[in-house]
Structure formats: C-alpha cells, structure tokens
PDB file of all heavy atoms in Angstrom:
ATOM      1  N   ASN A   1     130.298 114.618  65.603  1.00  0.00           N
ATOM      2  CA  ASN A   1     131.681 114.946  65.234  1.00  0.00           C
ATOM      3  C   ASN A   1     132.692 114.428  66.256  1.00  0.00           C
ATOM      4  O   ASN A   1     133.748 113.916  65.877  1.00  0.00           O
ATOM      5  CB  ASN A   1     131.843 116.448  65.037  1.00  0.00           C
ATOM      6  CG  ASN A   1     131.212 116.940  63.757  1.00  0.00           C
ATOM      7  OD1 ASN A   1     131.034 116.190  62.800  1.00  0.00           O
ATOM      8  ND2 ASN A   1     130.845 118.209  63.741  1.00  0.00           N
ATOM      9  N   VAL A   2     132.380 114.543  67.537  1.00  0.00           N
ATOM     10  CA  VAL A   2     133.286 114.028  68.575  1.00  0.00           C
ATOM     11  C   VAL A   2     133.427 112.519  68.427  1.00  0.00           C
ATOM     12  O   VAL A   2     134.536 111.977  68.410  1.00  0.00           O
ATOM     13  CB  VAL A   2     132.788 114.406  69.987  1.00  0.00           C
ATOM     14  CG1 VAL A   2     133.525 113.619  71.072  1.00  0.00           C
ATOM     15  CG2 VAL A   2     132.947 115.901  70.224  1.00  0.00           C
ATOM     16  N   PHE A   3     132.310 111.816  68.331  1.00  0.00           N
ATOM     17  CA  PHE A   3     132.357 110.356  68.258  1.00  0.00           C
ATOM     18  C   PHE A   3     132.994 109.880  66.956  1.00  0.00           C
ATOM     19  O   PHE A   3     133.824 108.975  66.966  1.00  0.00           O
ATOM     20  CB  PHE A   3     130.959 109.762  68.417  1.00  0.00           C
ATOM     21  CG  PHE A   3     130.442 109.785  69.833  1.00  0.00           C
ATOM     22  CD1 PHE A   3     131.187 110.302  70.875  1.00  0.00           C
ATOM     23  CD2 PHE A   3     129.195 109.285  70.123  1.00  0.00           C
ATOM     24  CE1 PHE A   3     130.713 110.319  72.182  1.00  0.00           C
ATOM     25  CE2 PHE A   3     128.707 109.280  71.419  1.00  0.00           C
ATOM     26  CZ  PHE A   3     129.468 109.802  72.444  1.00  0.00           C
ATOM     27  N   ARG A   4     132.632 110.475  65.841  1.00  0.00           N
ATOM     28  CA  ARG A   4     133.204 110.069  64.561  1.00  0.00           C
ATOM     29  C   ARG A   4     134.697 110.370  64.537  1.00  0.00           C
ATOM     30  O   ARG A   4     135.501 109.582  64.061  1.00  0.00           O
ATOM     31  CB  ARG A   4     132.491 110.795  63.400  1.00  0.00           C
ATOM     32  CG  ARG A   4     133.031 110.474  62.023  1.00  0.00           C
ATOM     33  CD  ARG A   4     132.853 108.986  61.717  1.00  0.00           C
ATOM     34  NE  ARG A   4     133.525 108.620  60.496  1.00  0.00           N
ATOM     35  CZ  ARG A   4     134.756 108.085  60.432  1.00  0.00           C
ATOM     36  NH1 ARG A   4     135.454 107.886  61.522  1.00  0.00           N
ATOM     37  NH2 ARG A   4     135.276 107.747  59.282  1.00  0.00           N
ATOM     38  N   GLY A   5     135.075 111.506  65.090  1.00  0.00           N
ATOM     39  CA  GLY A   5     136.474 111.903  65.086  1.00  0.00           C
ATOM     40  C   GLY A   5     137.372 111.013  65.913  1.00  0.00           C
ATOM     41  O   GLY A   5     138.561 110.850  65.600  1.00  0.00           O
ATOM     42  N   CYS A   6     136.843 110.403  66.957  1.00  0.00           N
ATOM     43  CA  CYS A   6     137.687 109.563  67.820  1.00  0.00           C
ATOM     44  C   CYS A   6     137.545 108.074  67.514  1.00  0.00           C
ATOM     45  O   CYS A   6     138.294 107.265  68.068  1.00  0.00           O
ATOM     46  CB  CYS A   6     137.401 109.837  69.287  1.00  0.00           C
ATOM     47  SG  CYS A   6     135.801 109.254  69.838  1.00  0.00           S
ATOM     48  N   HIS A   7     136.622 107.694  66.643  1.00  0.00           N
ATOM     49  CA  HIS A   7     136.377 106.278  66.387  1.00  0.00           C
ATOM     50  C   HIS A   7     137.647 105.523  65.992  1.00  0.00           C
ATOM     51  O   HIS A   7     137.950 104.466  66.544  1.00  0.00           O
ATOM     52  CB  HIS A   7     135.305 106.081  65.325  1.00  0.00           C
ATOM     53  CG  HIS A   7     135.089 104.645  64.981  1.00  0.00           C
ATOM     54  ND1 HIS A   7     135.785 104.018  63.967  1.00  0.00           N
ATOM     55  CD2 HIS A   7     134.304 103.700  65.540  1.00  0.00           C
ATOM     56  CE1 HIS A   7     135.422 102.754  63.911  1.00  0.00           C
ATOM     57  NE2 HIS A   7     134.520 102.536  64.851  1.00  0.00           N
ATOM     58  N   ASP A   8     138.377 106.027  65.035  1.00  0.00           N
ATOM     59  CA  ASP A   8     139.555 105.299  64.551  1.00  0.00           C
ATOM     60  C   ASP A   8     140.618 105.141  65.629  1.00  0.00           C
ATOM     61  O   ASP A   8     141.354 104.157  65.639  1.00  0.00           O
ATOM     62  CB  ASP A   8     140.145 105.987  63.316  1.00  0.00           C
ATOM     63  CG  ASP A   8     139.208 105.882  62.110  1.00  0.00           C
ATOM     64  OD1 ASP A   8     138.285 105.033  62.146  1.00  0.00           O
ATOM     65  OD2 ASP A   8     139.390 106.653  61.166  1.00  0.00           O
ATOM     66  N   LEU A   9     140.680 106.081  66.556  1.00  0.00           N
ATOM     67  CA  LEU A   9     141.646 105.984  67.656  1.00  0.00           C
ATOM     68  C   LEU A   9     141.218 104.968  68.704  1.00  0.00           C
ATOM     69  O   LEU A   9     142.051 104.390  69.391  1.00  0.00           O
ATOM     70  CB  LEU A   9     141.829 107.343  68.328  1.00  0.00           C
ATOM     71  CG  LEU A   9     142.405 108.455  67.452  1.00  0.00           C
ATOM     72  CD1 LEU A   9     142.335 109.785  68.183  1.00  0.00           C
ATOM     73  CD2 LEU A   9     143.837 108.120  67.058  1.00  0.00           C
ATOM     74  N   LEU A  10     139.901 104.786  68.840  1.00  0.00           N
ATOM     75  CA  LEU A  10     139.369 103.943  69.912  1.00  0.00           C
ATOM     76  C   LEU A  10     138.827 102.605  69.448  1.00  0.00           C
ATOM     77  O   LEU A  10     138.330 101.833  70.253  1.00  0.00           O
ATOM     78  CB  LEU A  10     138.235 104.681  70.631  1.00  0.00           C
ATOM     79  CG  LEU A  10     138.628 105.950  71.354  1.00  0.00           C
ATOM     80  CD1 LEU A  10     137.386 106.639  71.880  1.00  0.00           C
ATOM     81  CD2 LEU A  10     139.591 105.655  72.485  1.00  0.00           C
ATOM     82  N   ASN A  11     138.871 102.314  68.185  1.00  0.00           N
ATOM     83  CA  ASN A  11     138.247 101.115  67.647  1.00  0.00           C
ATOM     84  C   ASN A  11     138.987  99.851  68.094  1.00  0.00           C
ATOM     85  O   ASN A  11     139.732  99.240  67.347  1.00  0.00           O
ATOM     86  CB  ASN A  11     138.181 101.195  66.123  1.00  0.00           C
ATOM     87  CG  ASN A  11     137.323 100.094  65.537  1.00  0.00           C
ATOM     88  OD1 ASN A  11     136.567  99.445  66.247  1.00  0.00           O
ATOM     89  ND2 ASN A  11     137.439  99.890  64.248  1.00  0.00           N
ATOM     90  N   ARG A  12     138.747  99.494  69.359  1.00  0.00           N
ATOM     91  CA  ARG A  12     139.332  98.279  69.934  1.00  0.00           C
ATOM     92  C   ARG A  12     138.455  97.844  71.113  1.00  0.00           C
ATOM     93  O   ARG A  12     137.750  98.664  71.699  1.00  0.00           O
ATOM     94  CB  ARG A  12     140.764  98.523  70.362  1.00  0.00           C
ATOM     95  CG  ARG A  12     140.933  99.568  71.440  1.00  0.00           C
ATOM     96  CD  ARG A  12     142.425  99.767  71.760  1.00  0.00           C
ATOM     97  NE  ARG A  12     142.603 100.792  72.737  1.00  0.00           N
ATOM     98  CZ  ARG A  12     142.710 102.093  72.459  1.00  0.00           C
ATOM     99  NH1 ARG A  12     142.646 102.521  71.227  1.00  0.00           N
ATOM    100  NH2 ARG A  12     142.882 102.964  73.424  1.00  0.00           N
ATOM    101  N   PRO A  13     138.506  96.569  71.460  1.00  0.00           N
ATOM    102  CA  PRO A  13     137.660  96.084  72.562  1.00  0.00           C
ATOM    103  C   PRO A  13     137.882  96.880  73.846  1.00  0.00           C
ATOM    104  O   PRO A  13     139.013  97.206  74.201  1.00  0.00           O
ATOM    105  CB  PRO A  13     138.115  94.628  72.720  1.00  0.00           C
ATOM    106  CG  PRO A  13     138.615  94.246  71.357  1.00  0.00           C
ATOM    107  CD  PRO A  13     139.269  95.507  70.820  1.00  0.00           C
ATOM    108  N   GLY A  14     136.797  97.210  74.487  1.00  0.00           N
ATOM    109  CA  GLY A  14     136.847  97.944  75.751  1.00  0.00           C
ATOM    110  C   GLY A  14     136.639  99.434  75.606  1.00  0.00           C
ATOM    111  O   GLY A  14     136.451 100.131  76.600  1.00  0.00           O
ATOM    112  N   ALA A  15     136.654  99.942  74.381  1.00  0.00           N
ATOM    113  CA  ALA A  15     136.452 101.378  74.187  1.00  0.00           C
ATOM    114  C   ALA A  15     135.023 101.748  74.572  1.00  0.00           C
ATOM    115  O   ALA A  15     134.083 100.993  74.354  1.00  0.00           O
ATOM    116  CB  ALA A  15     136.727 101.763  72.744  1.00  0.00           C
ATOM    117  N   SER A  16     134.877 102.942  75.137  1.00  0.00           N
ATOM    118  CA  SER A  16     133.573 103.388  75.613  1.00  0.00           C
ATOM    119  C   SER A  16     133.369 104.859  75.267  1.00  0.00           C
ATOM    120  O   SER A  16     134.210 105.689  75.585  1.00  0.00           O
ATOM    121  CB  SER A  16     133.480 103.195  77.137  1.00  0.00           C
ATOM    122  OG  SER A  16     132.249 103.654  77.620  1.00  0.00           O
ATOM    123  N   LEU A  17     132.256 105.132  74.616  1.00  0.00           N
ATOM    124  CA  LEU A  17     131.865 106.502  74.301  1.00  0.00           C
ATOM    125  C   LEU A  17     130.596 106.820  75.074  1.00  0.00           C
ATOM    126  O   LEU A  17     129.681 105.986  75.141  1.00  0.00           O
ATOM    127  CB  LEU A  17     131.596 106.664  72.808  1.00  0.00           C
ATOM    128  CG  LEU A  17     132.731 106.305  71.850  1.00  0.00           C
ATOM    129  CD1 LEU A  17     132.261 106.447  70.414  1.00  0.00           C
ATOM    130  CD2 LEU A  17     133.932 107.159  72.107  1.00  0.00           C
ATOM    131  N   ILE A  18     130.529 108.012  75.637  1.00  0.00           N
ATOM    132  CA  ILE A  18     129.354 108.437  76.399  1.00  0.00           C
ATOM    133  C   ILE A  18     128.939 109.821  75.923  1.00  0.00           C
ATOM    134  O   ILE A  18     129.763 110.738  75.857  1.00  0.00           O
ATOM    135  CB  ILE A  18     129.648 108.493  77.911  1.00  0.00           C
ATOM    136  CG1 ILE A  18     130.064 107.122  78.428  1.00  0.00           C
ATOM    137  CG2 ILE A  18     128.425 109.010  78.674  1.00  0.00           C
ATOM    138  CD1 ILE A  18     130.593 107.149  79.846  1.00  0.00           C
ATOM    139  N   ALA A  19     127.662 109.967  75.607  1.00  0.00           N
ATOM    140  CA  ALA A  19     127.101 111.271  75.266  1.00  0.00           C
ATOM    141  C   ALA A  19     126.209 111.724  76.412  1.00  0.00           C
ATOM    142  O   ALA A  19     125.435 110.922  76.959  1.00  0.00           O
ATOM    143  CB  ALA A  19     126.285 111.189  73.981  1.00  0.00           C
ATOM    144  N   ILE A  20     126.317 112.989  76.757  1.00  0.00           N
ATOM    145  CA  ILE A  20     125.388 113.556  77.724  1.00  0.00           C
ATOM    146  C   ILE A  20     124.159 114.016  76.948  1.00  0.00           C
ATOM    147  O   ILE A  20     124.252 114.789  76.000  1.00  0.00           O
ATOM    148  CB  ILE A  20     126.012 114.732  78.498  1.00  0.00           C
ATOM    149  CG1 ILE A  20     127.282 114.285  79.232  1.00  0.00           C
ATOM    150  CG2 ILE A  20     124.984 115.327  79.470  1.00  0.00           C
ATOM    151  CD1 ILE A  20     127.090 113.211  80.286  1.00  0.00           C
ATOM    152  N   THR A  21     123.012 113.497  77.344  1.00  0.00           N
ATOM    153  CA  THR A  21     121.748 113.857  76.717  1.00  0.00           C
ATOM    154  C   THR A  21     120.905 114.565  77.777  1.00  0.00           C
ATOM    155  O   THR A  21     121.456 115.170  78.691  1.00  0.00           O
ATOM    156  CB  THR A  21     121.091 112.604  76.092  1.00  0.00           C
ATOM    157  OG1 THR A  21     119.894 112.995  75.429  1.00  0.00           O
ATOM    158  CG2 THR A  21     120.843 111.502  77.077  1.00  0.00           C
ATOM    159  N   ALA A  22     119.599 114.507  77.685  1.00  0.00           N
ATOM    160  CA  ALA A  22     118.751 115.186  78.668  1.00  0.00           C
ATOM    161  C   ALA A  22     117.350 114.602  78.623  1.00  0.00           C
ATOM    162  O   ALA A  22     116.952 113.980  77.633  1.00  0.00           O
ATOM    163  CB  ALA A  22     118.695 116.686  78.372  1.00  0.00           C
ATOM    164  N   GLY A  23     116.614 114.832  79.690  1.00  0.00           N
ATOM    165  CA  GLY A  23     115.237 114.369  79.763  1.00  0.00           C
ATOM    166  C   GLY A  23     114.353 114.925  78.659  1.00  0.00           C
ATOM    167  O   GLY A  23     113.354 114.313  78.283  1.00  0.00           O
ATOM    168  N   GLN A  24     114.751 116.087  78.098  1.00  0.00           N
ATOM    169  CA  GLN A  24     113.986 116.673  77.004  1.00  0.00           C
ATOM    170  C   GLN A  24     113.979 115.772  75.773  1.00  0.00           C
ATOM    171  O   GLN A  24     113.174 115.971  74.874  1.00  0.00           O
ATOM    172  CB  GLN A  24     114.559 118.043  76.594  1.00  0.00           C
ATOM    173  CG  GLN A  24     114.368 119.121  77.616  1.00  0.00           C
ATOM    174  CD  GLN A  24     115.590 119.255  78.507  1.00  0.00           C
ATOM    175  OE1 GLN A  24     116.225 118.284  78.882  1.00  0.00           O
ATOM    176  NE2 GLN A  24     115.903 120.476  78.878  1.00  0.00           N
ATOM    177  N   ALA A  25     114.847 114.791  75.717  1.00  0.00           N
ATOM    178  CA  ALA A  25     114.862 113.860  74.590  1.00  0.00           C
ATOM    179  C   ALA A  25     113.590 113.024  74.539  1.00  0.00           C
ATOM    180  O   ALA A  25     113.163 112.600  73.470  1.00  0.00           O
ATOM    181  CB  ALA A  25     116.079 112.937  74.675  1.00  0.00           C
ATOM    182  N   VAL A  26     112.987 112.785  75.690  1.00  0.00           N
ATOM    183  CA  VAL A  26     111.790 111.941  75.744  1.00  0.00           C
ATOM    184  C   VAL A  26     110.577 112.656  76.336  1.00  0.00           C
ATOM    185  O   VAL A  26     109.453 112.190  76.174  1.00  0.00           O
ATOM    186  CB  VAL A  26     112.056 110.628  76.523  1.00  0.00           C
ATOM    187  CG1 VAL A  26     113.039 109.756  75.780  1.00  0.00           C
ATOM    188  CG2 VAL A  26     112.544 110.901  77.921  1.00  0.00           C
TER     189      VAL A  26
END
C-alpha cells in the first residue's frame, strides 16, 4: 500500500523506494 500509493508521485528517474525486511525472509 505504501509503495503503490506513492508510485504516481514518484514515477520519474531517480526515485527510490526502500522496504525494511528481515532475515526471517530467508
């Protein structure tokens, strides 16, 4: 929801999205 919600605002070269994940993912 965070990433989808901000996509249209950030859809330009240089935009960067970062998600915090965890070691439990692997």
